[in-house]
Amino acid sequence: YGTSPALGSTRSEPQAGSCAVGSAGTCHQVTLTGLTPGTRYYYRLSTNGVVVQATTYFQTLRAAGDTGTQFFTVIGDWGQ
């Protein structure tokens, strides 16, 4: 993961057996700390050295004191 598509940082977690919300698939949960508020981060998911999700991104929420306008936040599941 990182602030550009070139990534730059890594984080590894043991693979979980299945997700709590449904029995099909594999759950990947990785906790990242020290992220900057209001910043786009790129990431790629690999399992056993095989890329299972190409590079994509997420945006961290703004800092609590940021007075800019925010209407809503959407978090989705690609279902892949």
N, C-alpha and C. Protein backbone atom coordinates (compact mmCIF):
# COMPACT_ATOMS: atom_id res chain seq x y z
N TYR A 1 0.84 -1.18 0.00
CA TYR A 1 0.00 0.00 0.00
C TYR A 1 0.88 1.23 0.00
N GLY A 2 0.30 2.35 -0.37
CA GLY A 2 1.05 3.59 -0.37
C GLY A 2 0.21 4.71 -0.97
N THR A 3 0.78 5.90 -1.04
CA THR A 3 0.04 7.07 -1.53
C THR A 3 0.16 7.25 -3.04
N SER A 4 0.78 6.32 -3.73
CA SER A 4 0.82 6.33 -5.19
C SER A 4 0.63 4.90 -5.68
N PRO A 5 0.29 4.71 -6.95
CA PRO A 5 0.12 3.36 -7.47
C PRO A 5 1.40 2.52 -7.40
N ALA A 6 2.55 3.15 -7.15
CA ALA A 6 3.79 2.40 -6.98
C ALA A 6 3.85 1.69 -5.62
N LEU A 7 2.89 2.00 -4.74
CA LEU A 7 2.74 1.42 -3.40
C LEU A 7 3.91 1.84 -2.52
N GLY A 8 4.77 0.93 -2.08
CA GLY A 8 5.92 1.31 -1.27
C GLY A 8 5.96 0.70 0.11
N SER A 9 4.80 0.31 0.67
CA SER A 9 4.77 -0.31 1.99
C SER A 9 4.06 -1.65 1.90
N THR A 10 4.35 -2.55 2.84
CA THR A 10 3.69 -3.84 2.86
C THR A 10 3.18 -4.14 4.26
N ARG A 11 2.19 -4.97 4.33
CA ARG A 11 1.63 -5.44 5.59
C ARG A 11 1.10 -6.84 5.35
N SER A 12 1.45 -7.79 6.19
CA SER A 12 1.01 -9.18 6.05
C SER A 12 0.18 -9.60 7.24
N GLU A 13 -0.85 -10.39 6.98
CA GLU A 13 -1.73 -10.94 8.01
C GLU A 13 -2.01 -12.39 7.66
N PRO A 14 -2.22 -13.25 8.67
CA PRO A 14 -2.61 -14.63 8.37
C PRO A 14 -3.96 -14.65 7.67
N GLN A 15 -4.15 -15.62 6.80
CA GLN A 15 -5.38 -15.75 6.06
C GLN A 15 -6.46 -16.36 6.94
N ALA A 16 -7.66 -15.79 6.92
CA ALA A 16 -8.79 -16.31 7.68
C ALA A 16 -9.53 -17.36 6.85
N GLY A 17 -10.23 -18.26 7.51
CA GLY A 17 -10.93 -19.35 6.83
C GLY A 17 -12.12 -18.89 6.02
N SER A 18 -13.00 -18.13 6.59
CA SER A 18 -14.17 -17.67 5.85
C SER A 18 -14.70 -16.40 6.50
N CYS A 19 -15.56 -15.71 5.80
CA CYS A 19 -16.13 -14.46 6.30
C CYS A 19 -17.30 -14.74 7.22
N ALA A 20 -17.55 -13.85 8.15
CA ALA A 20 -18.69 -13.99 9.05
C ALA A 20 -20.01 -13.76 8.32
N VAL A 21 -19.99 -13.01 7.22
CA VAL A 21 -21.22 -12.70 6.49
C VAL A 21 -21.31 -13.59 5.25
N GLY A 22 -21.51 -14.85 5.41
CA GLY A 22 -21.60 -15.77 4.27
C GLY A 22 -20.50 -16.79 4.31
N SER A 23 -20.73 -17.91 3.71
CA SER A 23 -19.78 -19.01 3.82
C SER A 23 -18.82 -19.13 2.65
N ALA A 24 -19.13 -18.52 1.52
CA ALA A 24 -18.26 -18.64 0.35
C ALA A 24 -17.13 -17.63 0.42
N GLY A 25 -15.99 -17.99 -0.11
CA GLY A 25 -14.88 -17.05 -0.23
C GLY A 25 -13.93 -17.07 0.95
N THR A 26 -13.00 -16.17 0.90
CA THR A 26 -11.98 -16.02 1.93
C THR A 26 -12.00 -14.60 2.42
N CYS A 27 -11.87 -14.43 3.71
CA CYS A 27 -11.88 -13.10 4.31
C CYS A 27 -10.45 -12.58 4.42
N HIS A 28 -10.22 -11.37 3.97
CA HIS A 28 -8.92 -10.71 4.10
C HIS A 28 -9.13 -9.46 4.94
N GLN A 29 -8.52 -9.42 6.10
CA GLN A 29 -8.64 -8.25 6.97
C GLN A 29 -7.25 -7.83 7.39
N VAL A 30 -6.88 -6.60 7.06
CA VAL A 30 -5.56 -6.08 7.38
C VAL A 30 -5.75 -4.71 8.03
N THR A 31 -5.20 -4.54 9.21
CA THR A 31 -5.29 -3.27 9.92
C THR A 31 -4.07 -2.41 9.58
N LEU A 32 -4.32 -1.21 9.10
CA LEU A 32 -3.25 -0.26 8.79
C LEU A 32 -3.32 0.87 9.82
N THR A 33 -2.19 1.27 10.35
CA THR A 33 -2.15 2.35 11.32
C THR A 33 -1.27 3.48 10.79
N GLY A 34 -1.41 4.65 11.38
CA GLY A 34 -0.57 5.78 11.01
C GLY A 34 -0.93 6.42 9.69
N LEU A 35 -2.16 6.19 9.19
CA LEU A 35 -2.57 6.78 7.92
C LEU A 35 -2.93 8.25 8.13
N THR A 36 -2.72 9.04 7.10
CA THR A 36 -3.00 10.47 7.16
C THR A 36 -4.46 10.73 6.79
N PRO A 37 -5.17 11.56 7.57
CA PRO A 37 -6.57 11.87 7.24
C PRO A 37 -6.70 12.52 5.87
N GLY A 38 -7.81 12.23 5.18
CA GLY A 38 -8.10 12.85 3.90
C GLY A 38 -7.12 12.52 2.80
N THR A 39 -6.57 11.31 2.84
CA THR A 39 -5.53 10.92 1.89
C THR A 39 -5.95 9.69 1.11
N ARG A 40 -5.65 9.68 -0.19
CA ARG A 40 -5.91 8.50 -1.02
C ARG A 40 -4.74 7.53 -0.85
N TYR A 41 -5.06 6.28 -0.56
CA TYR A 41 -4.07 5.21 -0.44
C TYR A 41 -4.38 4.13 -1.46
N TYR A 42 -3.35 3.67 -2.15
CA TYR A 42 -3.47 2.59 -3.12
C TYR A 42 -3.03 1.30 -2.45
N TYR A 43 -3.63 0.19 -2.86
CA TYR A 43 -3.24 -1.11 -2.31
C TYR A 43 -3.47 -2.21 -3.33
N ARG A 44 -2.81 -3.34 -3.10
CA ARG A 44 -2.95 -4.53 -3.93
C ARG A 44 -3.00 -5.72 -2.98
N LEU A 45 -3.84 -6.68 -3.25
CA LEU A 45 -3.99 -7.85 -2.40
C LEU A 45 -3.33 -9.06 -3.04
N SER A 46 -2.42 -9.68 -2.28
CA SER A 46 -1.75 -10.90 -2.73
C SER A 46 -1.96 -11.99 -1.69
N THR A 47 -2.12 -13.23 -2.15
CA THR A 47 -2.22 -14.39 -1.28
C THR A 47 -1.20 -15.40 -1.75
N ASN A 48 -0.30 -15.80 -0.87
CA ASN A 48 0.77 -16.75 -1.20
C ASN A 48 1.55 -16.31 -2.43
N GLY A 49 1.82 -15.01 -2.53
CA GLY A 49 2.62 -14.48 -3.63
C GLY A 49 1.87 -14.27 -4.93
N VAL A 50 0.57 -14.57 -4.96
CA VAL A 50 -0.24 -14.42 -6.17
C VAL A 50 -1.16 -13.21 -5.97
N VAL A 51 -1.14 -12.28 -6.92
CA VAL A 51 -2.01 -11.11 -6.84
C VAL A 51 -3.45 -11.56 -7.08
N VAL A 52 -4.31 -11.34 -6.10
CA VAL A 52 -5.72 -11.72 -6.22
C VAL A 52 -6.63 -10.50 -6.39
N GLN A 53 -6.09 -9.31 -6.21
CA GLN A 53 -6.82 -8.07 -6.50
C GLN A 53 -5.81 -7.06 -6.99
N ALA A 54 -6.03 -6.57 -8.19
CA ALA A 54 -5.12 -5.58 -8.78
C ALA A 54 -5.13 -4.31 -7.94
N THR A 55 -4.16 -3.44 -8.18
CA THR A 55 -4.05 -2.20 -7.42
C THR A 55 -5.32 -1.37 -7.54
N THR A 56 -5.85 -0.98 -6.40
CA THR A 56 -7.03 -0.12 -6.31
C THR A 56 -6.77 0.87 -5.17
N TYR A 57 -7.74 1.62 -4.76
CA TYR A 57 -7.47 2.62 -3.73
C TYR A 57 -8.66 2.82 -2.80
N PHE A 58 -8.40 3.48 -1.68
CA PHE A 58 -9.42 3.95 -0.76
C PHE A 58 -9.00 5.32 -0.27
N GLN A 59 -9.93 6.07 0.26
CA GLN A 59 -9.66 7.41 0.78
C GLN A 59 -9.94 7.40 2.28
N THR A 60 -8.99 7.86 3.09
CA THR A 60 -9.23 7.96 4.52
C THR A 60 -10.17 9.13 4.79
N LEU A 61 -10.90 9.05 5.90
CA LEU A 61 -11.80 10.14 6.29
C LEU A 61 -10.98 11.36 6.67
N ARG A 62 -11.59 12.51 6.57
CA ARG A 62 -10.92 13.75 6.94
C ARG A 62 -10.73 13.81 8.45
N ALA A 63 -9.85 14.68 8.89
CA ALA A 63 -9.61 14.90 10.32
C ALA A 63 -10.88 15.47 10.96
N ALA A 64 -11.07 15.20 12.24
CA ALA A 64 -12.27 15.63 12.96
C ALA A 64 -12.47 17.14 12.89
N GLY A 65 -11.43 17.93 12.90
CA GLY A 65 -11.55 19.39 12.88
C GLY A 65 -11.70 19.99 11.50
N ASP A 66 -11.67 19.19 10.46
CA ASP A 66 -11.78 19.69 9.09
C ASP A 66 -13.21 20.17 8.86
N THR A 67 -13.38 21.44 8.52
CA THR A 67 -14.71 22.04 8.38
C THR A 67 -15.24 22.00 6.95
N GLY A 68 -14.55 21.32 6.05
CA GLY A 68 -15.04 21.21 4.67
C GLY A 68 -16.34 20.44 4.61
N THR A 69 -17.04 20.56 3.50
CA THR A 69 -18.33 19.90 3.33
C THR A 69 -18.13 18.44 2.97
N GLN A 70 -18.85 17.57 3.66
CA GLN A 70 -18.88 16.14 3.33
C GLN A 70 -20.32 15.70 3.43
N PHE A 71 -20.85 15.17 2.34
CA PHE A 71 -22.25 14.78 2.33
C PHE A 71 -22.45 13.35 2.82
N PHE A 72 -21.59 12.42 2.39
CA PHE A 72 -21.73 11.03 2.82
C PHE A 72 -20.46 10.26 2.47
N THR A 73 -20.34 9.09 3.05
CA THR A 73 -19.24 8.18 2.76
C THR A 73 -19.83 6.84 2.33
N VAL A 74 -19.29 6.23 1.28
CA VAL A 74 -19.79 4.97 0.79
C VAL A 74 -18.68 3.94 0.87
N ILE A 75 -19.00 2.78 1.43
CA ILE A 75 -18.06 1.65 1.45
C ILE A 75 -18.78 0.50 0.76
N GLY A 76 -18.15 -0.13 -0.22
CA GLY A 76 -18.83 -1.18 -0.97
C GLY A 76 -18.05 -2.47 -1.03
N ASP A 77 -18.73 -3.49 -1.54
CA ASP A 77 -18.15 -4.83 -1.71
C ASP A 77 -18.29 -5.19 -3.18
N TRP A 78 -17.16 -5.45 -3.82
CA TRP A 78 -17.17 -5.78 -5.24
C TRP A 78 -17.76 -7.16 -5.50
N GLY A 79 -17.83 -8.00 -4.49
CA GLY A 79 -18.42 -9.32 -4.64
C GLY A 79 -17.58 -10.27 -5.48
N GLN A 80 -16.28 -10.08 -5.46
CA GLN A 80 -15.41 -10.96 -6.26
C GLN A 80 -14.64 -11.87 -5.34
